[in-house]
Amino acid sequence: MLSTKIRSTIIALVASSSLAVATVAPAVSQATAKKSPSTEVTCDGFKPGTVISTTHTVRVNGKVVTEFTTSEKCGTDGKWHKA
């Protein structure tokens, strides 16, 4: 009698584990690899090689004293450099 219960329990465990494996296998086969974050180098969103010119106006008591322009280039290191 005890051997019949054990045999029935073993058969039930094997059947349930087979069902579990059959349920999980399709999900695993359809899984996709997680994409790595972008490693593209930028300077505040600008791509390397971009040149930006800025005109500066110096005023004293409302009068223009001088104006000058600076140019900076986005380098491949992700930092701005004088152009």
PDB file of N, CA and C in Angstrom:
ATOM      1  N   MET A   1       0.812  -1.183   0.000  1.00  0.00           N
ATOM      2  CA  MET A   1       0.000   0.000   0.000  1.00  0.00           C
ATOM      3  C   MET A   1       0.862   1.256   0.000  1.00  0.00           C
ATOM      4  N   LEU A   2       1.897   1.277   0.834  1.00  0.00           N
ATOM      5  CA  LEU A   2       2.773   2.440   0.909  1.00  0.00           C
ATOM      6  C   LEU A   2       3.512   2.633  -0.404  1.00  0.00           C
ATOM      7  N   SER A   3       3.935   1.565  -1.023  1.00  0.00           N
ATOM      8  CA  SER A   3       4.657   1.687  -2.279  1.00  0.00           C
ATOM      9  C   SER A   3       3.763   2.261  -3.378  1.00  0.00           C
ATOM     10  N   THR A   4       2.479   2.001  -3.345  1.00  0.00           N
ATOM     11  CA  THR A   4       1.552   2.548  -4.332  1.00  0.00           C
ATOM     12  C   THR A   4       1.430   4.060  -4.170  1.00  0.00           C
ATOM     13  N   LYS A   5       1.403   4.555  -2.918  1.00  0.00           N
ATOM     14  CA  LYS A   5       1.328   5.996  -2.669  1.00  0.00           C
ATOM     15  C   LYS A   5       2.611   6.688  -3.130  1.00  0.00           C
ATOM     16  N   ILE A   6       3.733   6.054  -2.823  1.00  0.00           N
ATOM     17  CA  ILE A   6       5.023   6.628  -3.229  1.00  0.00           C
ATOM     18  C   ILE A   6       5.113   6.678  -4.750  1.00  0.00           C
ATOM     19  N   ARG A   7       4.726   5.603  -5.392  1.00  0.00           N
ATOM     20  CA  ARG A   7       4.777   5.551  -6.853  1.00  0.00           C
ATOM     21  C   ARG A   7       3.847   6.611  -7.457  1.00  0.00           C
ATOM     22  N   SER A   8       2.674   6.788  -6.909  1.00  0.00           N
ATOM     23  CA  SER A   8       1.723   7.797  -7.401  1.00  0.00           C
ATOM     24  C   SER A   8       2.283   9.204  -7.201  1.00  0.00           C
ATOM     25  N   THR A   9       2.931   9.444  -6.050  1.00  0.00           N
ATOM     26  CA  THR A   9       3.537  10.746  -5.758  1.00  0.00           C
ATOM     27  C   THR A   9       4.662  11.046  -6.735  1.00  0.00           C
ATOM     28  N   ILE A  10       5.510  10.063  -7.001  1.00  0.00           N
ATOM     29  CA  ILE A  10       6.626  10.249  -7.935  1.00  0.00           C
ATOM     30  C   ILE A  10       6.101  10.538  -9.341  1.00  0.00           C
ATOM     31  N   ILE A  11       5.107   9.838  -9.766  1.00  0.00           N
ATOM     32  CA  ILE A  11       4.523  10.061 -11.091  1.00  0.00           C
ATOM     33  C   ILE A  11       3.923  11.463 -11.171  1.00  0.00           C
ATOM     34  N   ALA A  12       3.261  11.908 -10.119  1.00  0.00           N
ATOM     35  CA  ALA A  12       2.668  13.251 -10.099  1.00  0.00           C
ATOM     36  C   ALA A  12       3.748  14.328 -10.154  1.00  0.00           C
ATOM     37  N   LEU A  13       4.853  14.126  -9.415  1.00  0.00           N
ATOM     38  CA  LEU A  13       5.958  15.092  -9.426  1.00  0.00           C
ATOM     39  C   LEU A  13       6.614  15.174 -10.802  1.00  0.00           C
ATOM     40  N   VAL A  14       6.833  14.042 -11.423  1.00  0.00           N
ATOM     41  CA  VAL A  14       7.442  14.021 -12.760  1.00  0.00           C
ATOM     42  C   VAL A  14       6.528  14.714 -13.768  1.00  0.00           C
ATOM     43  N   ALA A  15       5.249  14.453 -13.675  1.00  0.00           N
ATOM     44  CA  ALA A  15       4.301  15.068 -14.608  1.00  0.00           C
ATOM     45  C   ALA A  15       4.241  16.577 -14.418  1.00  0.00           C
ATOM     46  N   SER A  16       4.229  17.047 -13.176  1.00  0.00           N
ATOM     47  CA  SER A  16       4.140  18.488 -12.927  1.00  0.00           C
ATOM     48  C   SER A  16       5.435  19.193 -13.328  1.00  0.00           C
ATOM     49  N   SER A  17       6.590  18.556 -13.087  1.00  0.00           N
ATOM     50  CA  SER A  17       7.854  19.186 -13.496  1.00  0.00           C
ATOM     51  C   SER A  17       7.975  19.227 -15.011  1.00  0.00           C
ATOM     52  N   SER A  18       7.467  18.219 -15.701  1.00  0.00           N
ATOM     53  CA  SER A  18       7.480  18.231 -17.168  1.00  0.00           C
ATOM     54  C   SER A  18       6.623  19.366 -17.696  1.00  0.00           C
ATOM     55  N   LEU A  19       5.492  19.592 -17.073  1.00  0.00           N
ATOM     56  CA  LEU A  19       4.609  20.676 -17.485  1.00  0.00           C
ATOM     57  C   LEU A  19       5.286  22.030 -17.237  1.00  0.00           C
ATOM     58  N   ALA A  20       5.974  22.163 -16.117  1.00  0.00           N
ATOM     59  CA  ALA A  20       6.660  23.422 -15.807  1.00  0.00           C
ATOM     60  C   ALA A  20       7.753  23.712 -16.821  1.00  0.00           C
ATOM     61  N   VAL A  21       8.520  22.706 -17.184  1.00  0.00           N
ATOM     62  CA  VAL A  21       9.592  22.883 -18.173  1.00  0.00           C
ATOM     63  C   VAL A  21       8.999  23.250 -19.522  1.00  0.00           C
ATOM     64  N   ALA A  22       7.915  22.617 -19.907  1.00  0.00           N
ATOM     65  CA  ALA A  22       7.275  22.903 -21.186  1.00  0.00           C
ATOM     66  C   ALA A  22       6.704  24.321 -21.219  1.00  0.00           C
ATOM     67  N   THR A  23       6.332  24.851 -20.079  1.00  0.00           N
ATOM     68  CA  THR A  23       5.786  26.207 -20.013  1.00  0.00           C
ATOM     69  C   THR A  23       6.890  27.254 -20.086  1.00  0.00           C
ATOM     70  N   VAL A  24       8.021  27.012 -19.463  1.00  0.00           N
ATOM     71  CA  VAL A  24       9.114  27.981 -19.391  1.00  0.00           C
ATOM     72  C   VAL A  24       9.953  27.991 -20.667  1.00  0.00           C
ATOM     73  N   ALA A  25      10.111  26.893 -21.333  1.00  0.00           N
ATOM     74  CA  ALA A  25      10.997  26.798 -22.493  1.00  0.00           C
ATOM     75  C   ALA A  25      10.677  27.805 -23.597  1.00  0.00           C
ATOM     76  N   PRO A  26       9.425  28.006 -24.006  1.00  0.00           N
ATOM     77  CA  PRO A  26       9.161  29.001 -25.054  1.00  0.00           C
ATOM     78  C   PRO A  26       9.515  30.421 -24.625  1.00  0.00           C
ATOM     79  N   ALA A  27       9.285  30.766 -23.376  1.00  0.00           N
ATOM     80  CA  ALA A  27       9.606  32.109 -22.895  1.00  0.00           C
ATOM     81  C   ALA A  27      11.110  32.349 -22.940  1.00  0.00           C
ATOM     82  N   VAL A  28      11.891  31.369 -22.587  1.00  0.00           N
ATOM     83  CA  VAL A  28      13.342  31.504 -22.614  1.00  0.00           C
ATOM     84  C   VAL A  28      13.848  31.623 -24.047  1.00  0.00           C
ATOM     85  N   SER A  29      13.262  30.876 -24.962  1.00  0.00           N
ATOM     86  CA  SER A  29      13.724  30.912 -26.345  1.00  0.00           C
ATOM     87  C   SER A  29      13.390  32.231 -27.027  1.00  0.00           C
ATOM     88  N   GLN A  30      12.379  32.949 -26.545  1.00  0.00           N
ATOM     89  CA  GLN A  30      11.995  34.218 -27.143  1.00  0.00           C
ATOM     90  C   GLN A  30      12.642  35.410 -26.454  1.00  0.00           C
ATOM     91  N   ALA A  31      13.429  35.179 -25.450  1.00  0.00           N
ATOM     92  CA  ALA A  31      14.072  36.276 -24.731  1.00  0.00           C
ATOM     93  C   ALA A  31      15.092  36.968 -25.632  1.00  0.00           C
ATOM     94  N   THR A  32      15.251  38.281 -25.457  1.00  0.00           N
ATOM     95  CA  THR A  32      16.226  39.044 -26.224  1.00  0.00           C
ATOM     96  C   THR A  32      17.280  39.611 -25.279  1.00  0.00           C
ATOM     97  N   ALA A  33      18.448  39.824 -25.812  1.00  0.00           N
ATOM     98  CA  ALA A  33      19.535  40.356 -25.005  1.00  0.00           C
ATOM     99  C   ALA A  33      19.257  41.818 -24.682  1.00  0.00           C
ATOM    100  N   LYS A  34      19.628  42.236 -23.491  1.00  0.00           N
ATOM    101  CA  LYS A  34      19.442  43.616 -23.079  1.00  0.00           C
ATOM    102  C   LYS A  34      20.487  44.470 -23.776  1.00  0.00           C
ATOM    103  N   LYS A  35      20.034  45.573 -24.363  1.00  0.00           N
ATOM    104  CA  LYS A  35      20.958  46.463 -25.069  1.00  0.00           C
ATOM    105  C   LYS A  35      21.766  47.256 -24.055  1.00  0.00           C
ATOM    106  N   SER A  36      23.036  47.432 -24.365  1.00  0.00           N
ATOM    107  CA  SER A  36      23.882  48.210 -23.481  1.00  0.00           C
ATOM    108  C   SER A  36      23.614  49.696 -23.720  1.00  0.00           C
ATOM    109  N   PRO A  37      23.842  50.532 -22.709  1.00  0.00           N
ATOM    110  CA  PRO A  37      23.613  51.959 -22.889  1.00  0.00           C
ATOM    111  C   PRO A  37      24.550  52.542 -23.939  1.00  0.00           C
ATOM    112  N   SER A  38      24.106  53.618 -24.541  1.00  0.00           N
ATOM    113  CA  SER A  38      24.898  54.265 -25.586  1.00  0.00           C
ATOM    114  C   SER A  38      26.230  54.734 -25.023  1.00  0.00           C
ATOM    115  N   THR A  39      27.288  54.446 -25.736  1.00  0.00           N
ATOM    116  CA  THR A  39      28.614  54.882 -25.308  1.00  0.00           C
ATOM    117  C   THR A  39      29.141  55.979 -26.225  1.00  0.00           C
ATOM    118  N   GLU A  40      28.239  56.596 -26.998  1.00  0.00           N
ATOM    119  CA  GLU A  40      28.642  57.649 -27.917  1.00  0.00           C
ATOM    120  C   GLU A  40      29.078  58.880 -27.130  1.00  0.00           C
ATOM    121  N   VAL A  41      30.229  59.448 -27.519  1.00  0.00           N
ATOM    122  CA  VAL A  41      30.766  60.622 -26.838  1.00  0.00           C
ATOM    123  C   VAL A  41      30.121  61.868 -27.416  1.00  0.00           C
ATOM    124  N   THR A  42      29.620  62.745 -26.538  1.00  0.00           N
ATOM    125  CA  THR A  42      29.038  64.017 -26.983  1.00  0.00           C
ATOM    126  C   THR A  42      29.437  65.121 -26.027  1.00  0.00           C
ATOM    127  N   CYS A  43      29.323  66.355 -26.502  1.00  0.00           N
ATOM    128  CA  CYS A  43      29.523  67.543 -25.670  1.00  0.00           C
ATOM    129  C   CYS A  43      28.161  68.196 -25.527  1.00  0.00           C
ATOM    130  N   ASP A  44      27.494  67.962 -24.416  1.00  0.00           N
ATOM    131  CA  ASP A  44      26.170  68.542 -24.175  1.00  0.00           C
ATOM    132  C   ASP A  44      25.212  68.244 -25.326  1.00  0.00           C
ATOM    133  N   GLY A  45      25.301  67.060 -25.914  1.00  0.00           N
ATOM    134  CA  GLY A  45      24.404  66.673 -26.992  1.00  0.00           C
ATOM    135  C   GLY A  45      24.945  66.951 -28.386  1.00  0.00           C
ATOM    136  N   PHE A  46      26.066  67.658 -28.506  1.00  0.00           N
ATOM    137  CA  PHE A  46      26.676  67.931 -29.806  1.00  0.00           C
ATOM    138  C   PHE A  46      27.691  66.844 -30.133  1.00  0.00           C
ATOM    139  N   LYS A  47      27.737  66.437 -31.391  1.00  0.00           N
ATOM    140  CA  LYS A  47      28.665  65.390 -31.814  1.00  0.00           C
ATOM    141  C   LYS A  47      30.078  65.938 -31.938  1.00  0.00           C
ATOM    142  N   PRO A  48      31.081  65.069 -31.769  1.00  0.00           N
ATOM    143  CA  PRO A  48      32.469  65.499 -31.939  1.00  0.00           C
ATOM    144  C   PRO A  48      32.681  66.126 -33.320  1.00  0.00           C
ATOM    145  N   GLY A  49      33.453  67.215 -33.338  1.00  0.00           N
ATOM    146  CA  GLY A  49      33.722  67.928 -34.590  1.00  0.00           C
ATOM    147  C   GLY A  49      32.856  69.165 -34.753  1.00  0.00           C
ATOM    148  N   THR A  50      31.800  69.296 -33.935  1.00  0.00           N
ATOM    149  CA  THR A  50      30.925  70.464 -34.009  1.00  0.00           C
ATOM    150  C   THR A  50      31.663  71.687 -33.486  1.00  0.00           C
ATOM    151  N   VAL A  51      31.588  72.795 -34.230  1.00  0.00           N
ATOM    152  CA  VAL A  51      32.217  74.045 -33.820  1.00  0.00           C
ATOM    153  C   VAL A  51      31.118  75.047 -33.496  1.00  0.00           C
ATOM    154  N   ILE A  52      31.229  75.692 -32.352  1.00  0.00           N
ATOM    155  CA  ILE A  52      30.264  76.709 -31.924  1.00  0.00           C
ATOM    156  C   ILE A  52      31.007  78.017 -31.712  1.00  0.00           C
ATOM    157  N   SER A  53      30.481  79.088 -32.310  1.00  0.00           N
ATOM    158  CA  SER A  53      31.047  80.430 -32.133  1.00  0.00           C
ATOM    159  C   SER A  53      30.095  81.258 -31.292  1.00  0.00           C
ATOM    160  N   THR A  54      30.654  81.991 -30.327  1.00  0.00           N
ATOM    161  CA  THR A  54      29.863  82.837 -29.446  1.00  0.00           C
ATOM    162  C   THR A  54      30.440  84.241 -29.458  1.00  0.00           C
ATOM    163  N   THR A  55      29.589  85.237 -29.647  1.00  0.00           N
ATOM    164  CA  THR A  55      30.038  86.633 -29.613  1.00  0.00           C
ATOM    165  C   THR A  55      29.738  87.203 -28.238  1.00  0.00           C
ATOM    166  N   HIS A  56      30.759  87.819 -27.625  1.00  0.00           N
ATOM    167  CA  HIS A  56      30.642  88.404 -26.294  1.00  0.00           C
ATOM    168  C   HIS A  56      30.725  89.921 -26.435  1.00  0.00           C
ATOM    169  N   THR A  57      29.821  90.635 -25.790  1.00  0.00           N
ATOM    170  CA  THR A  57      29.818  92.097 -25.809  1.00  0.00           C
ATOM    171  C   THR A  57      30.043  92.589 -24.382  1.00  0.00           C
ATOM    172  N   VAL A  58      31.081  93.412 -24.210  1.00  0.00           N
ATOM    173  CA  VAL A  58      31.392  93.969 -22.894  1.00  0.00           C
ATOM    174  C   VAL A  58      30.866  95.404 -22.868  1.00  0.00           C
ATOM    175  N   ARG A  59      29.998  95.686 -21.903  1.00  0.00           N
ATOM    176  CA  ARG A  59      29.414  97.027 -21.772  1.00  0.00           C
ATOM    177  C   ARG A  59      29.773  97.621 -20.408  1.00  0.00           C
ATOM    178  N   VAL A  60      30.062  98.900 -20.407  1.00  0.00           N
ATOM    179  CA  VAL A  60      30.313  99.641 -19.177  1.00  0.00           C
ATOM    180  C   VAL A  60      29.412 100.873 -19.213  1.00  0.00           C
ATOM    181  N   ASN A  61      28.565 101.009 -18.206  1.00  0.00           N
ATOM    182  CA  ASN A  61      27.602 102.114 -18.137  1.00  0.00           C
ATOM    183  C   ASN A  61      26.758 102.205 -19.406  1.00  0.00           C
ATOM    184  N   GLY A  62      26.391 101.054 -19.973  1.00  0.00           N
ATOM    185  CA  GLY A  62      25.540 101.030 -21.150  1.00  0.00           C
ATOM    186  C   GLY A  62      26.275 101.216 -22.464  1.00  0.00           C
ATOM    187  N   LYS A  63      27.552 101.539 -22.421  1.00  0.00           N
ATOM    188  CA  LYS A  63      28.330 101.742 -23.647  1.00  0.00           C
ATOM    189  C   LYS A  63      29.116 100.479 -23.967  1.00  0.00           C
ATOM    190  N   VAL A  64      29.162 100.141 -25.243  1.00  0.00           N
ATOM    191  CA  VAL A  64      29.927  98.970 -25.677  1.00  0.00           C
ATOM    192  C   VAL A  64      31.410  99.310 -25.609  1.00  0.00           C
ATOM    193  N   VAL A  65      32.140  98.559 -24.808  1.00  0.00           N
ATOM    194  CA  VAL A  65      33.579  98.759 -24.670  1.00  0.00           C
ATOM    195  C   VAL A  65      34.314  97.911 -25.697  1.00  0.00           C
ATOM    196  N   THR A  66      33.910  96.665 -25.796  1.00  0.00           N
ATOM    197  CA  THR A  66      34.560  95.769 -26.758  1.00  0.00           C
ATOM    198  C   THR A  66      33.646  94.587 -27.074  1.00  0.00           C
ATOM    199  N   GLU A  67      33.879  93.976 -28.197  1.00  0.00           N
ATOM    200  CA  GLU A  67      33.202  92.750 -28.592  1.00  0.00           C
ATOM    201  C   GLU A  67      34.258  91.762 -29.053  1.00  0.00           C
ATOM    202  N   PHE A  68      34.059  90.516 -28.711  1.00  0.00           N
ATOM    203  CA  PHE A  68      34.970  89.489 -29.201  1.00  0.00           C
ATOM    204  C   PHE A  68      34.220  88.190 -29.397  1.00  0.00           C
ATOM    205  N   THR A  69      34.744  87.358 -30.268  1.00  0.00           N
ATOM    206  CA  THR A  69      34.111  86.088 -30.597  1.00  0.00           C
ATOM    207  C   THR A  69      35.033  84.947 -30.185  1.00  0.00           C
ATOM    208  N   THR A  70      34.452  83.939 -29.574  1.00  0.00           N
ATOM    209  CA  THR A  70      35.219  82.748 -29.234  1.00  0.00           C
ATOM    210  C   THR A  70      34.624  81.566 -29.986  1.00  0.00           C
ATOM    211  N   SER A  71      35.473  80.644 -30.369  1.00  0.00           N
ATOM    212  CA  SER A  71      35.026  79.430 -31.039  1.00  0.00           C
ATOM    213  C   SER A  71      35.514  78.235 -30.250  1.00  0.00           C
ATOM    214  N   GLU A  72      34.622  77.281 -30.083  1.00  0.00           N
ATOM    215  CA  GLU A  72      34.977  76.048 -29.385  1.00  0.00           C
ATOM    216  C   GLU A  72      34.543  74.865 -30.231  1.00  0.00           C
ATOM    217  N   LYS A  73      35.346  73.809 -30.164  1.00  0.00           N
ATOM    218  CA  LYS A  73      35.085  72.603 -30.947  1.00  0.00           C
ATOM    219  C   LYS A  73      34.893  71.431 -29.994  1.00  0.00           C
ATOM    220  N   CYS A  74      33.882  70.616 -30.296  1.00  0.00           N
ATOM    221  CA  CYS A  74      33.640  69.417 -29.496  1.00  0.00           C
ATOM    222  C   CYS A  74      34.680  68.365 -29.866  1.00  0.00           C
ATOM    223  N   GLY A  75      35.449  67.931 -28.893  1.00  0.00           N
ATOM    224  CA  GLY A  75      36.491  66.933 -29.146  1.00  0.00           C
ATOM    225  C   GLY A  75      35.972  65.512 -28.996  1.00  0.00           C
ATOM    226  N   THR A  76      36.775  64.568 -29.424  1.00  0.00           N
ATOM    227  CA  THR A  76      36.396  63.155 -29.327  1.00  0.00           C
ATOM    228  C   THR A  76      36.407  62.656 -27.876  1.00  0.00           C
ATOM    229  N   ASP A  77      36.947  63.480 -26.972  1.00  0.00           N
ATOM    230  CA  ASP A  77      36.961  63.116 -25.552  1.00  0.00           C
ATOM    231  C   ASP A  77      35.711  63.592 -24.818  1.00  0.00           C
ATOM    232  N   GLY A  78      34.784  64.269 -25.559  1.00  0.00           N
ATOM    233  CA  GLY A  78      33.561  64.750 -24.952  1.00  0.00           C
ATOM    234  C   GLY A  78      33.705  66.067 -24.244  1.00  0.00           C
ATOM    235  N   LYS A  79      34.804  66.802 -24.492  1.00  0.00           N
ATOM    236  CA  LYS A  79      35.034  68.091 -23.860  1.00  0.00           C
ATOM    237  C   LYS A  79      35.170  69.160 -24.939  1.00  0.00           C
ATOM    238  N   TRP A  80      34.841  70.411 -24.583  1.00  0.00           N
ATOM    239  CA  TRP A  80      34.978  71.535 -25.504  1.00  0.00           C
ATOM    240  C   TRP A  80      36.420  72.036 -25.482  1.00  0.00           C
ATOM    241  N   HIS A  81      36.951  72.345 -26.691  1.00  0.00           N
ATOM    242  CA  HIS A  81      38.310  72.845 -26.845  1.00  0.00           C
ATOM    243  C   HIS A  81      38.279  74.109 -27.660  1.00  0.00           C
ATOM    244  N   LYS A  82      39.207  75.038 -27.380  1.00  0.00           N
ATOM    245  CA  LYS A  82      39.266  76.280 -28.168  1.00  0.00           C
ATOM    246  C   LYS A  82      39.658  75.924 -29.601  1.00  0.00           C
ATOM    247  N   ALA A  83      38.923  76.521 -30.522  1.00  0.00           N
ATOM    248  CA  ALA A  83      39.184  76.225 -31.939  1.00  0.00           C
ATOM    249  C   ALA A  83      40.030  77.308 -32.565  1.00  0.00           C
TER     250      ALA A  83
END
